[in-house]
């Protein structure tokens, strides 16, 4: 082993730690965040379908099962379905008519979709950074094969 190889090995380890400790963690966080936003979009679309079903049925009252958590359901009776409560964020609910709720859902899903696009672009940038660092690692490992005089010129 020559004197340049420990420096290259140290750089390789440094880059490997950067990929595993920083870039991969950041990528996982962004992808999990994006998945959470997709879940919210799905919930809003489910609400939209429910509202349309209520409108099509033309019924003024509704009997349904409500999940209290852990798949424990209770029957609920809604005497007036003309207005509903919609979660708008941070634990707040707003009473809306069906048309108001559909308008809100449309705007909210558009906003969330735009956010998923931003998160997807962020994930693509992180993946590109991972590829770039991996390419740097390949180049560093290729330097080991060079003669000592050429490695000294590079550092």
C-alpha atoms as a PDB file:
ATOM      1  CA  UNK A   1       0.000   0.000   0.000  1.00  0.00           C
ATOM      2  CA  UNK A   2       1.375   3.398  -0.934  1.00  0.00           C
ATOM      3  CA  UNK A   3       1.012   6.703   0.892  1.00  0.00           C
ATOM      4  CA  UNK A   4      -1.749   7.963  -1.424  1.00  0.00           C
ATOM      5  CA  UNK A   5      -4.026   4.985  -0.885  1.00  0.00           C
ATOM      6  CA  UNK A   6      -4.924   5.780   2.758  1.00  0.00           C
ATOM      7  CA  UNK A   7      -5.985   9.290   1.678  1.00  0.00           C
ATOM      8  CA  UNK A   8      -8.159   7.823  -1.079  1.00  0.00           C
ATOM      9  CA  UNK A   9      -9.605   5.197   1.262  1.00  0.00           C
ATOM     10  CA  UNK A  10     -10.442   7.913   3.796  1.00  0.00           C
ATOM     11  CA  UNK A  11     -12.189   9.969   1.103  1.00  0.00           C
ATOM     12  CA  UNK A  12     -14.135   6.888  -0.058  1.00  0.00           C
ATOM     13  CA  UNK A  13     -15.311   6.252   3.518  1.00  0.00           C
ATOM     14  CA  UNK A  14     -16.226   9.914   3.931  1.00  0.00           C
ATOM     15  CA  UNK A  15     -18.352   9.853   0.776  1.00  0.00           C
ATOM     16  CA  UNK A  16     -19.986   6.559   1.739  1.00  0.00           C
ATOM     17  CA  UNK A  17     -20.956   7.997   5.123  1.00  0.00           C
ATOM     18  CA  UNK A  18     -22.322  11.122   3.434  1.00  0.00           C
ATOM     19  CA  UNK A  19     -24.504   9.001   1.140  1.00  0.00           C
ATOM     20  CA  UNK A  20     -25.801   6.781   3.932  1.00  0.00           C
ATOM     21  CA  UNK A  21     -26.075   9.293   6.770  1.00  0.00           C
ATOM     22  CA  UNK A  22     -27.292  12.364   4.889  1.00  0.00           C
ATOM     23  CA  UNK A  23     -28.546  11.804   1.363  1.00  0.00           C
ATOM     24  CA  UNK A  24     -30.423   8.535   1.858  1.00  0.00           C
ATOM     25  CA  UNK A  25     -32.013   9.825   5.071  1.00  0.00           C
ATOM     26  CA  UNK A  26     -33.096  13.024   3.308  1.00  0.00           C
ATOM     27  CA  UNK A  27     -34.517  11.019   0.409  1.00  0.00           C
ATOM     28  CA  UNK A  28     -36.488   8.771   2.749  1.00  0.00           C
ATOM     29  CA  UNK A  29     -37.868  11.793   4.636  1.00  0.00           C
ATOM     30  CA  UNK A  30     -39.012  13.519   1.422  1.00  0.00           C
ATOM     31  CA  UNK A  31     -40.622  10.346   0.061  1.00  0.00           C
ATOM     32  CA  UNK A  32     -42.454   9.723   3.354  1.00  0.00           C
ATOM     33  CA  UNK A  33     -43.653  13.314   3.355  1.00  0.00           C
ATOM     34  CA  UNK A  34     -44.897  12.932  -0.236  1.00  0.00           C
ATOM     35  CA  UNK A  35     -46.700   9.686   0.674  1.00  0.00           C
ATOM     36  CA  UNK A  36     -48.440  11.498   3.528  1.00  0.00           C
ATOM     37  CA  UNK A  37     -49.640  14.187   1.138  1.00  0.00           C
ATOM     38  CA  UNK A  38     -50.938  11.510  -1.246  1.00  0.00           C
ATOM     39  CA  UNK A  39     -52.912  10.027   1.662  1.00  0.00           C
ATOM     40  CA  UNK A  40     -54.487  13.419   2.382  1.00  0.00           C
ATOM     41  CA  UNK A  41     -55.431  13.787  -1.287  1.00  0.00           C
ATOM     42  CA  UNK A  42     -57.053  10.337  -1.198  1.00  0.00           C
ATOM     43  CA  UNK A  43     -59.052  11.304   1.897  1.00  0.00           C
ATOM     44  CA  UNK A  44     -60.315  14.498   0.240  1.00  0.00           C
ATOM     45  CA  UNK A  45     -61.278  12.588  -2.905  1.00  0.00           C
ATOM     46  CA  UNK A  46     -63.137  10.042  -0.775  1.00  0.00           C
ATOM     47  CA  UNK A  47     -65.010  12.918   0.903  1.00  0.00           C
ATOM     48  CA  UNK A  48     -65.824  14.360  -2.530  1.00  0.00           C
ATOM     49  CA  UNK A  49     -67.314  11.018  -3.621  1.00  0.00           C
ATOM     50  CA  UNK A  50     -69.313  10.782  -0.400  1.00  0.00           C
ATOM     51  CA  UNK A  51     -70.762  14.268  -0.884  1.00  0.00           C
ATOM     52  CA  UNK A  52     -71.735  13.450  -4.468  1.00  0.00           C
ATOM     53  CA  UNK A  53     -73.392  10.223  -3.304  1.00  0.00           C
ATOM     54  CA  UNK A  54     -75.399  12.145  -0.700  1.00  0.00           C
ATOM     55  CA  UNK A  55     -76.425  14.687  -3.335  1.00  0.00           C
ATOM     56  CA  UNK A  56     -77.472  11.983  -5.808  1.00  0.00           C
ATOM     57  CA  UNK A  57     -79.480  10.114  -3.175  1.00  0.00           C
ATOM     58  CA  UNK A  58     -81.319  13.321  -2.294  1.00  0.00           C
ATOM     59  CA  UNK A  59     -81.819  12.089   1.233  1.00  0.00           C
ATOM     60  CA  UNK A  60     -82.047  14.653   4.024  1.00  0.00           C
ATOM     61  CA  UNK A  61     -80.809  12.232   6.689  1.00  0.00           C
ATOM     62  CA  UNK A  62     -78.107   9.607   6.826  1.00  0.00           C
ATOM     63  CA  UNK A  63     -77.263   6.506   8.833  1.00  0.00           C
ATOM     64  CA  UNK A  64     -73.621   5.468   8.766  1.00  0.00           C
ATOM     65  CA  UNK A  65     -70.886   3.699  10.688  1.00  0.00           C
ATOM     66  CA  UNK A  66     -68.169   5.842  12.243  1.00  0.00           C
ATOM     67  CA  UNK A  67     -64.711   4.442  12.996  1.00  0.00           C
ATOM     68  CA  UNK A  68     -63.709   5.447  16.524  1.00  0.00           C
ATOM     69  CA  UNK A  69     -60.258   3.965  16.020  1.00  0.00           C
ATOM     70  CA  UNK A  70     -58.725   0.495  15.996  1.00  0.00           C
ATOM     71  CA  UNK A  71     -61.569  -0.651  13.691  1.00  0.00           C
ATOM     72  CA  UNK A  72     -64.148  -0.023  16.412  1.00  0.00           C
ATOM     73  CA  UNK A  73     -67.313   1.288  14.737  1.00  0.00           C
ATOM     74  CA  UNK A  74     -70.501   2.832  16.064  1.00  0.00           C
ATOM     75  CA  UNK A  75     -73.675   3.688  14.191  1.00  0.00           C
ATOM     76  CA  UNK A  76     -74.348   7.347  13.658  1.00  0.00           C
ATOM     77  CA  UNK A  77     -77.532   9.092  12.613  1.00  0.00           C
ATOM     78  CA  UNK A  78     -77.219  12.430  10.813  1.00  0.00           C
ATOM     79  CA  UNK A  79     -80.628  14.153  10.785  1.00  0.00           C
ATOM     80  CA  UNK A  80     -79.636  16.944   8.357  1.00  0.00           C
ATOM     81  CA  UNK A  81     -77.104  16.259   5.590  1.00  0.00           C
ATOM     82  CA  UNK A  82     -77.365  19.691   3.969  1.00  0.00           C
ATOM     83  CA  UNK A  83     -74.191  20.815   5.753  1.00  0.00           C
ATOM     84  CA  UNK A  84     -71.064  18.940   6.741  1.00  0.00           C
ATOM     85  CA  UNK A  85     -67.995  19.616   8.840  1.00  0.00           C
ATOM     86  CA  UNK A  86     -64.732  19.569   6.904  1.00  0.00           C
ATOM     87  CA  UNK A  87     -61.289  19.350   8.501  1.00  0.00           C
ATOM     88  CA  UNK A  88     -59.314  22.343   7.226  1.00  0.00           C
ATOM     89  CA  UNK A  89     -56.101  21.657   9.132  1.00  0.00           C
ATOM     90  CA  UNK A  90     -54.508  22.139  12.549  1.00  0.00           C
ATOM     91  CA  UNK A  91     -57.491  20.413  14.188  1.00  0.00           C
ATOM     92  CA  UNK A  92     -60.037  22.957  12.921  1.00  0.00           C
ATOM     93  CA  UNK A  93     -63.335  22.021  11.291  1.00  0.00           C
ATOM     94  CA  UNK A  94     -65.602  24.290   9.268  1.00  0.00           C
ATOM     95  CA  UNK A  95     -69.298  23.762   8.610  1.00  0.00           C
ATOM     96  CA  UNK A  96     -69.893  23.949   4.848  1.00  0.00           C
ATOM     97  CA  UNK A  97     -72.688  23.334   2.399  1.00  0.00           C
ATOM     98  CA  UNK A  98     -72.110  20.610  -0.173  1.00  0.00           C
ATOM     99  CA  UNK A  99     -71.167  23.086  -2.914  1.00  0.00           C
ATOM    100  CA  UNK A 100     -68.834  24.979  -0.573  1.00  0.00           C
ATOM    101  CA  UNK A 101     -67.226  21.717   0.509  1.00  0.00           C
ATOM    102  CA  UNK A 102     -66.737  20.591  -3.105  1.00  0.00           C
ATOM    103  CA  UNK A 103     -65.129  23.950  -3.955  1.00  0.00           C
ATOM    104  CA  UNK A 104     -62.856  23.687  -0.908  1.00  0.00           C
ATOM    105  CA  UNK A 105     -61.911  20.095  -1.768  1.00  0.00           C
ATOM    106  CA  UNK A 106     -61.052  21.079  -5.350  1.00  0.00           C
ATOM    107  CA  UNK A 107     -58.787  23.912  -4.200  1.00  0.00           C
ATOM    108  CA  UNK A 108     -57.203  21.834  -1.450  1.00  0.00           C
ATOM    109  CA  UNK A 109     -56.458  18.856  -3.711  1.00  0.00           C
ATOM    110  CA  UNK A 110     -54.928  21.197  -6.321  1.00  0.00           C
ATOM    111  CA  UNK A 111     -52.734  22.751  -3.628  1.00  0.00           C
ATOM    112  CA  UNK A 112     -51.686  19.345  -2.297  1.00  0.00           C
ATOM    113  CA  UNK A 113     -50.983  18.079  -5.826  1.00  0.00           C
ATOM    114  CA  UNK A 114     -48.680  21.037  -6.445  1.00  0.00           C
ATOM    115  CA  UNK A 115     -46.910  20.239  -3.181  1.00  0.00           C
ATOM    116  CA  UNK A 116     -46.419  16.592  -4.232  1.00  0.00           C
ATOM    117  CA  UNK A 117     -44.802  17.871  -7.423  1.00  0.00           C
ATOM    118  CA  UNK A 118     -42.382  19.978  -5.371  1.00  0.00           C
ATOM    119  CA  UNK A 119     -41.580  16.986  -3.172  1.00  0.00           C
ATOM    120  CA  UNK A 120     -41.067  14.777  -6.245  1.00  0.00           C
ATOM    121  CA  UNK A 121     -38.627  17.332  -7.665  1.00  0.00           C
ATOM    122  CA  UNK A 122     -36.799  17.438  -4.329  1.00  0.00           C
ATOM    123  CA  UNK A 123     -36.564  13.642  -4.342  1.00  0.00           C
ATOM    124  CA  UNK A 124     -35.207  13.706  -7.899  1.00  0.00           C
ATOM    125  CA  UNK A 125     -32.550  16.250  -6.870  1.00  0.00           C
ATOM    126  CA  UNK A 126     -31.481  14.084  -3.928  1.00  0.00           C
ATOM    127  CA  UNK A 127     -31.310  11.007  -6.177  1.00  0.00           C
ATOM    128  CA  UNK A 128     -29.166  13.007  -8.613  1.00  0.00           C
ATOM    129  CA  UNK A 129     -26.856  14.004  -5.749  1.00  0.00           C
ATOM    130  CA  UNK A 130     -26.563  10.354  -4.708  1.00  0.00           C
ATOM    131  CA  UNK A 131     -25.656   9.391  -8.282  1.00  0.00           C
ATOM    132  CA  UNK A 132     -23.100  12.215  -8.442  1.00  0.00           C
ATOM    133  CA  UNK A 133     -21.431  11.149  -5.190  1.00  0.00           C
ATOM    134  CA  UNK A 134     -21.431   7.509  -6.326  1.00  0.00           C
ATOM    135  CA  UNK A 135     -19.729   8.585  -9.549  1.00  0.00           C
ATOM    136  CA  UNK A 136     -17.153  10.474  -7.469  1.00  0.00           C
ATOM    137  CA  UNK A 137     -16.579   7.302  -5.459  1.00  0.00           C
ATOM    138  CA  UNK A 138     -15.995   5.304  -8.635  1.00  0.00           C
ATOM    139  CA  UNK A 139     -13.472   7.887  -9.787  1.00  0.00           C
ATOM    140  CA  UNK A 140     -11.679   7.831  -6.431  1.00  0.00           C
ATOM    141  CA  UNK A 141     -11.545   4.057  -6.448  1.00  0.00           C
ATOM    142  CA  UNK A 142     -10.211   4.197 -10.000  1.00  0.00           C
ATOM    143  CA  UNK A 143      -7.376   6.420  -8.757  1.00  0.00           C
ATOM    144  CA  UNK A 144      -6.021   3.503  -6.744  1.00  0.00           C
ATOM    145  CA  UNK A 145      -5.049   1.868 -10.007  1.00  0.00           C
ATOM    146  CA  UNK A 146      -2.980   4.863 -11.132  1.00  0.00           C
ATOM    147  CA  UNK A 147       0.772   5.018 -10.489  1.00  0.00           C
ATOM    148  CA  UNK A 148       1.867   6.974  -7.391  1.00  0.00           C
ATOM    149  CA  UNK A 149       3.361   9.849  -9.456  1.00  0.00           C
ATOM    150  CA  UNK A 150       0.042  10.541 -11.213  1.00  0.00           C
ATOM    151  CA  UNK A 151      -1.906  10.476  -7.918  1.00  0.00           C
ATOM    152  CA  UNK A 152       0.497  13.066  -6.387  1.00  0.00           C
ATOM    153  CA  UNK A 153      -0.142  15.387  -9.301  1.00  0.00           C
ATOM    154  CA  UNK A 154      -3.896  15.227  -8.664  1.00  0.00           C
ATOM    155  CA  UNK A 155      -3.680  16.014  -4.941  1.00  0.00           C
END
